[in-house]
Amino acid sequence: LSELSGNKHIVLTTEPQGAYNVLKYIEENQLKIKPIVIYFDIDEETRILNMSERGDSRDKVLKRIQNDNVEELFKKLNITADLKITKLTDELDQVVINFLKI
């Protein structure tokens, strides 16, 4: 991550444990990076549809839904989301850009 500190914007998509590891690394190495955590809290029906549309097998979709404990992991790892997205829309990029302007 240290080689990333010169970039203005970096987007990483991770599971909660990955986010925790990145945040911890930034803090421990005193990197001049201001991380922003965005939590996608999307309803189960939409997640199933999205996974099916991208070609995931039925078994893979069901396993992912059964093992999806993101909110629980956020609490366990003491991660606070800066922005919570509850609906996927075509304007999602604008929502994030507007948030970053705050």
N, C-alpha and C. Protein backbone atom coordinates (compact mmCIF):
# COMPACT_ATOMS: atom_id res chain seq x y z
N LEU A 1 0.80 -1.21 0.00
CA LEU A 1 0.00 0.00 0.00
C LEU A 1 0.84 1.26 0.00
N SER A 2 2.05 1.20 0.49
CA SER A 2 2.85 2.42 0.58
C SER A 2 3.05 3.08 -0.78
N GLU A 3 3.14 2.28 -1.85
CA GLU A 3 3.31 2.86 -3.17
C GLU A 3 2.04 3.54 -3.67
N LEU A 4 0.94 3.36 -3.01
CA LEU A 4 -0.32 3.97 -3.41
C LEU A 4 -0.52 5.35 -2.79
N SER A 5 0.29 5.72 -1.81
CA SER A 5 0.03 6.94 -1.05
C SER A 5 0.12 8.21 -1.88
N GLY A 6 0.75 8.18 -3.06
CA GLY A 6 0.83 9.37 -3.90
C GLY A 6 -0.39 9.58 -4.77
N ASN A 7 -1.27 8.60 -4.84
CA ASN A 7 -2.46 8.71 -5.67
C ASN A 7 -3.55 9.49 -4.96
N LYS A 8 -4.35 10.22 -5.74
CA LYS A 8 -5.42 11.02 -5.15
C LYS A 8 -6.60 10.13 -4.72
N HIS A 9 -6.99 9.21 -5.58
CA HIS A 9 -8.13 8.35 -5.26
C HIS A 9 -7.77 6.90 -5.56
N ILE A 10 -8.07 6.04 -4.62
CA ILE A 10 -7.85 4.61 -4.77
C ILE A 10 -9.13 3.93 -4.33
N VAL A 11 -9.62 3.01 -5.13
CA VAL A 11 -10.83 2.29 -4.77
C VAL A 11 -10.46 0.81 -4.62
N LEU A 12 -10.76 0.27 -3.46
CA LEU A 12 -10.55 -1.14 -3.19
C LEU A 12 -11.88 -1.76 -2.81
N THR A 13 -12.18 -2.90 -3.37
CA THR A 13 -13.39 -3.62 -3.00
C THR A 13 -12.95 -4.83 -2.19
N THR A 14 -13.38 -4.88 -0.94
CA THR A 14 -12.95 -5.97 -0.07
C THR A 14 -14.09 -6.45 0.81
N GLU A 15 -13.87 -7.59 1.38
CA GLU A 15 -14.74 -8.09 2.45
C GLU A 15 -14.34 -7.32 3.71
N PRO A 16 -15.13 -7.40 4.78
CA PRO A 16 -14.79 -6.67 6.00
C PRO A 16 -13.38 -6.95 6.54
N GLN A 17 -12.94 -8.20 6.51
CA GLN A 17 -11.60 -8.51 7.02
C GLN A 17 -10.54 -7.80 6.19
N GLY A 18 -10.73 -7.74 4.88
CA GLY A 18 -9.79 -7.02 4.02
C GLY A 18 -9.78 -5.54 4.32
N ALA A 19 -10.95 -4.96 4.55
CA ALA A 19 -11.03 -3.54 4.91
C ALA A 19 -10.30 -3.29 6.22
N TYR A 20 -10.50 -4.17 7.18
CA TYR A 20 -9.82 -4.06 8.47
C TYR A 20 -8.30 -4.07 8.28
N ASN A 21 -7.82 -5.01 7.46
CA ASN A 21 -6.38 -5.12 7.23
C ASN A 21 -5.82 -3.86 6.57
N VAL A 22 -6.53 -3.31 5.60
CA VAL A 22 -6.08 -2.09 4.93
C VAL A 22 -6.06 -0.92 5.91
N LEU A 23 -7.13 -0.76 6.68
CA LEU A 23 -7.20 0.34 7.65
C LEU A 23 -6.09 0.22 8.69
N LYS A 24 -5.85 -0.99 9.16
CA LYS A 24 -4.80 -1.23 10.15
C LYS A 24 -3.42 -0.90 9.56
N TYR A 25 -3.18 -1.32 8.32
CA TYR A 25 -1.90 -1.06 7.66
C TYR A 25 -1.66 0.44 7.51
N ILE A 26 -2.70 1.16 7.09
CA ILE A 26 -2.59 2.61 6.92
C ILE A 26 -2.23 3.26 8.25
N GLU A 27 -2.92 2.86 9.32
CA GLU A 27 -2.67 3.43 10.64
C GLU A 27 -1.28 3.08 11.15
N GLU A 28 -0.92 1.81 11.09
CA GLU A 28 0.38 1.38 11.62
C GLU A 28 1.57 1.99 10.89
N ASN A 29 1.40 2.26 9.60
CA ASN A 29 2.50 2.80 8.80
C ASN A 29 2.38 4.31 8.59
N GLN A 30 1.41 4.90 9.27
CA GLN A 30 1.19 6.35 9.24
C GLN A 30 1.19 6.90 7.82
N LEU A 31 0.48 6.19 6.94
CA LEU A 31 0.39 6.62 5.55
C LEU A 31 -0.54 7.83 5.44
N LYS A 32 -0.24 8.70 4.53
CA LYS A 32 -1.06 9.89 4.32
C LYS A 32 -2.19 9.56 3.35
N ILE A 33 -3.01 8.62 3.77
CA ILE A 33 -4.17 8.19 3.00
C ILE A 33 -5.38 8.33 3.91
N LYS A 34 -6.43 8.98 3.40
CA LYS A 34 -7.66 9.07 4.17
C LYS A 34 -8.65 8.06 3.60
N PRO A 35 -8.76 6.91 4.25
CA PRO A 35 -9.67 5.89 3.72
C PRO A 35 -11.13 6.26 3.96
N ILE A 36 -11.96 5.87 3.03
CA ILE A 36 -13.40 6.04 3.17
C ILE A 36 -14.01 4.66 2.98
N VAL A 37 -14.77 4.23 3.97
CA VAL A 37 -15.38 2.90 3.92
C VAL A 37 -16.83 3.05 3.47
N ILE A 38 -17.15 2.38 2.38
CA ILE A 38 -18.52 2.38 1.86
C ILE A 38 -19.07 0.97 2.04
N TYR A 39 -20.19 0.89 2.72
CA TYR A 39 -20.82 -0.40 3.01
C TYR A 39 -22.05 -0.55 2.12
N PHE A 40 -22.06 -1.60 1.32
CA PHE A 40 -23.21 -1.90 0.46
C PHE A 40 -24.14 -2.85 1.21
N ASP A 41 -25.23 -2.31 1.71
CA ASP A 41 -26.23 -3.09 2.45
C ASP A 41 -27.42 -3.30 1.52
N ILE A 42 -27.26 -4.22 0.59
CA ILE A 42 -28.26 -4.46 -0.45
C ILE A 42 -29.14 -5.63 -0.05
N ASP A 43 -30.45 -5.51 -0.33
CA ASP A 43 -31.38 -6.56 0.08
C ASP A 43 -31.04 -7.88 -0.60
N GLU A 44 -31.41 -8.95 0.07
CA GLU A 44 -31.05 -10.30 -0.37
C GLU A 44 -31.56 -10.61 -1.76
N GLU A 45 -32.78 -10.23 -2.08
CA GLU A 45 -33.36 -10.51 -3.39
C GLU A 45 -32.52 -9.89 -4.52
N THR A 46 -32.10 -8.64 -4.33
CA THR A 46 -31.28 -7.96 -5.34
C THR A 46 -29.92 -8.63 -5.46
N ARG A 47 -29.32 -9.01 -4.33
CA ARG A 47 -28.01 -9.67 -4.38
C ARG A 47 -28.09 -11.00 -5.13
N ILE A 48 -29.16 -11.77 -4.87
CA ILE A 48 -29.34 -13.04 -5.56
C ILE A 48 -29.48 -12.81 -7.06
N LEU A 49 -30.28 -11.83 -7.44
CA LEU A 49 -30.48 -11.51 -8.85
C LEU A 49 -29.17 -11.10 -9.51
N ASN A 50 -28.40 -10.23 -8.86
CA ASN A 50 -27.13 -9.77 -9.42
C ASN A 50 -26.15 -10.93 -9.60
N MET A 51 -26.05 -11.80 -8.60
CA MET A 51 -25.13 -12.93 -8.70
C MET A 51 -25.56 -13.89 -9.80
N SER A 52 -26.85 -14.12 -9.93
CA SER A 52 -27.37 -15.00 -10.98
C SER A 52 -27.11 -14.40 -12.35
N GLU A 53 -27.35 -13.10 -12.50
CA GLU A 53 -27.14 -12.43 -13.79
C GLU A 53 -25.68 -12.44 -14.22
N ARG A 54 -24.76 -12.43 -13.27
CA ARG A 54 -23.35 -12.45 -13.66
C ARG A 54 -22.85 -13.87 -13.90
N GLY A 55 -23.73 -14.86 -13.71
CA GLY A 55 -23.39 -16.22 -14.08
C GLY A 55 -23.00 -17.13 -12.94
N ASP A 56 -23.14 -16.68 -11.70
CA ASP A 56 -22.82 -17.54 -10.56
C ASP A 56 -23.79 -18.72 -10.52
N SER A 57 -23.28 -19.88 -10.18
CA SER A 57 -24.13 -21.07 -10.08
C SER A 57 -25.10 -20.92 -8.90
N ARG A 58 -26.18 -21.68 -8.96
CA ARG A 58 -27.18 -21.64 -7.88
C ARG A 58 -26.52 -21.99 -6.55
N ASP A 59 -25.67 -23.02 -6.54
CA ASP A 59 -24.99 -23.43 -5.31
C ASP A 59 -24.10 -22.32 -4.77
N LYS A 60 -23.38 -21.65 -5.66
CA LYS A 60 -22.49 -20.57 -5.24
C LYS A 60 -23.29 -19.40 -4.65
N VAL A 61 -24.42 -19.09 -5.29
CA VAL A 61 -25.28 -18.00 -4.80
C VAL A 61 -25.81 -18.34 -3.42
N LEU A 62 -26.33 -19.55 -3.25
CA LEU A 62 -26.89 -19.94 -1.95
C LEU A 62 -25.83 -19.96 -0.86
N LYS A 63 -24.64 -20.44 -1.19
CA LYS A 63 -23.56 -20.48 -0.21
C LYS A 63 -23.17 -19.05 0.20
N ARG A 64 -23.09 -18.16 -0.77
CA ARG A 64 -22.72 -16.77 -0.48
C ARG A 64 -23.77 -16.11 0.42
N ILE A 65 -25.04 -16.33 0.12
CA ILE A 65 -26.11 -15.75 0.93
C ILE A 65 -26.07 -16.31 2.35
N GLN A 66 -25.89 -17.62 2.49
CA GLN A 66 -25.85 -18.25 3.81
C GLN A 66 -24.68 -17.75 4.64
N ASN A 67 -23.54 -17.50 4.00
CA ASN A 67 -22.34 -17.10 4.72
C ASN A 67 -22.17 -15.58 4.83
N ASP A 68 -23.12 -14.85 4.30
CA ASP A 68 -23.00 -13.39 4.28
C ASP A 68 -23.35 -12.81 5.64
N ASN A 69 -22.32 -12.46 6.37
CA ASN A 69 -22.50 -11.87 7.71
C ASN A 69 -21.71 -10.56 7.80
N VAL A 70 -21.81 -9.76 6.75
CA VAL A 70 -21.02 -8.54 6.63
C VAL A 70 -21.27 -7.59 7.80
N GLU A 71 -22.52 -7.35 8.10
CA GLU A 71 -22.83 -6.40 9.18
C GLU A 71 -22.25 -6.88 10.52
N GLU A 72 -22.36 -8.16 10.77
CA GLU A 72 -21.80 -8.76 11.99
C GLU A 72 -20.27 -8.57 12.03
N LEU A 73 -19.62 -8.78 10.89
CA LEU A 73 -18.16 -8.61 10.82
C LEU A 73 -17.75 -7.16 11.00
N PHE A 74 -18.52 -6.23 10.44
CA PHE A 74 -18.22 -4.81 10.65
C PHE A 74 -18.20 -4.50 12.15
N LYS A 75 -19.20 -5.01 12.88
CA LYS A 75 -19.27 -4.78 14.32
C LYS A 75 -18.11 -5.45 15.04
N LYS A 76 -17.86 -6.71 14.71
CA LYS A 76 -16.79 -7.48 15.37
C LYS A 76 -15.43 -6.83 15.17
N LEU A 77 -15.17 -6.31 13.96
CA LEU A 77 -13.88 -5.70 13.65
C LEU A 77 -13.83 -4.21 13.98
N ASN A 78 -14.94 -3.70 14.53
CA ASN A 78 -15.03 -2.29 14.92
C ASN A 78 -14.76 -1.35 13.73
N ILE A 79 -15.37 -1.68 12.60
CA ILE A 79 -15.27 -0.85 11.40
C ILE A 79 -16.55 -0.05 11.27
N THR A 80 -16.40 1.25 11.07
CA THR A 80 -17.56 2.11 10.86
C THR A 80 -17.58 2.56 9.42
N ALA A 81 -18.70 2.37 8.76
CA ALA A 81 -18.83 2.82 7.38
C ALA A 81 -19.04 4.33 7.34
N ASP A 82 -18.35 4.97 6.41
CA ASP A 82 -18.54 6.41 6.21
C ASP A 82 -19.79 6.67 5.39
N LEU A 83 -20.13 5.71 4.54
CA LEU A 83 -21.31 5.83 3.67
C LEU A 83 -21.93 4.46 3.55
N LYS A 84 -23.25 4.41 3.68
CA LYS A 84 -23.98 3.15 3.56
C LYS A 84 -24.90 3.24 2.35
N ILE A 85 -24.72 2.33 1.41
CA ILE A 85 -25.54 2.27 0.20
C ILE A 85 -26.55 1.15 0.37
N THR A 86 -27.82 1.46 0.21
CA THR A 86 -28.85 0.45 0.41
C THR A 86 -29.59 0.09 -0.88
N LYS A 87 -29.27 0.81 -1.96
CA LYS A 87 -29.95 0.54 -3.23
C LYS A 87 -28.98 0.80 -4.37
N LEU A 88 -28.91 -0.14 -5.30
CA LEU A 88 -28.06 0.04 -6.47
C LEU A 88 -28.86 0.77 -7.54
N THR A 89 -28.33 1.89 -7.99
CA THR A 89 -28.99 2.67 -9.03
C THR A 89 -27.97 3.08 -10.08
N ASP A 90 -28.47 3.59 -11.20
CA ASP A 90 -27.59 4.10 -12.25
C ASP A 90 -26.85 5.35 -11.79
N GLU A 91 -27.35 6.01 -10.76
CA GLU A 91 -26.74 7.24 -10.26
C GLU A 91 -25.80 6.99 -9.08
N LEU A 92 -25.46 5.74 -8.84
CA LEU A 92 -24.64 5.39 -7.68
C LEU A 92 -23.31 6.14 -7.68
N ASP A 93 -22.69 6.25 -8.85
CA ASP A 93 -21.41 6.97 -8.91
C ASP A 93 -21.57 8.42 -8.47
N GLN A 94 -22.69 9.03 -8.83
CA GLN A 94 -22.93 10.42 -8.43
C GLN A 94 -23.16 10.53 -6.93
N VAL A 95 -23.80 9.55 -6.33
CA VAL A 95 -24.02 9.52 -4.88
C VAL A 95 -22.67 9.54 -4.17
N VAL A 96 -21.74 8.71 -4.63
CA VAL A 96 -20.42 8.63 -4.02
C VAL A 96 -19.65 9.93 -4.24
N ILE A 97 -19.70 10.47 -5.45
CA ILE A 97 -19.01 11.74 -5.74
C ILE A 97 -19.56 12.84 -4.86
N ASN A 98 -20.85 12.93 -4.72
CA ASN A 98 -21.45 13.96 -3.85
C ASN A 98 -21.01 13.78 -2.40
N PHE A 99 -20.93 12.54 -1.95
CA PHE A 99 -20.48 12.27 -0.58
C PHE A 99 -19.04 12.76 -0.40
N LEU A 100 -18.19 12.50 -1.37
CA LEU A 100 -16.78 12.89 -1.28
C LEU A 100 -16.59 14.40 -1.26
N LYS A 101 -17.55 15.15 -1.78
CA LYS A 101 -17.45 16.60 -1.80
C LYS A 101 -17.73 17.22 -0.44
N ILE A 102 -18.30 16.44 0.47
CA ILE A 102 -18.65 16.96 1.81
C ILE A 102 -17.41 17.35 2.56
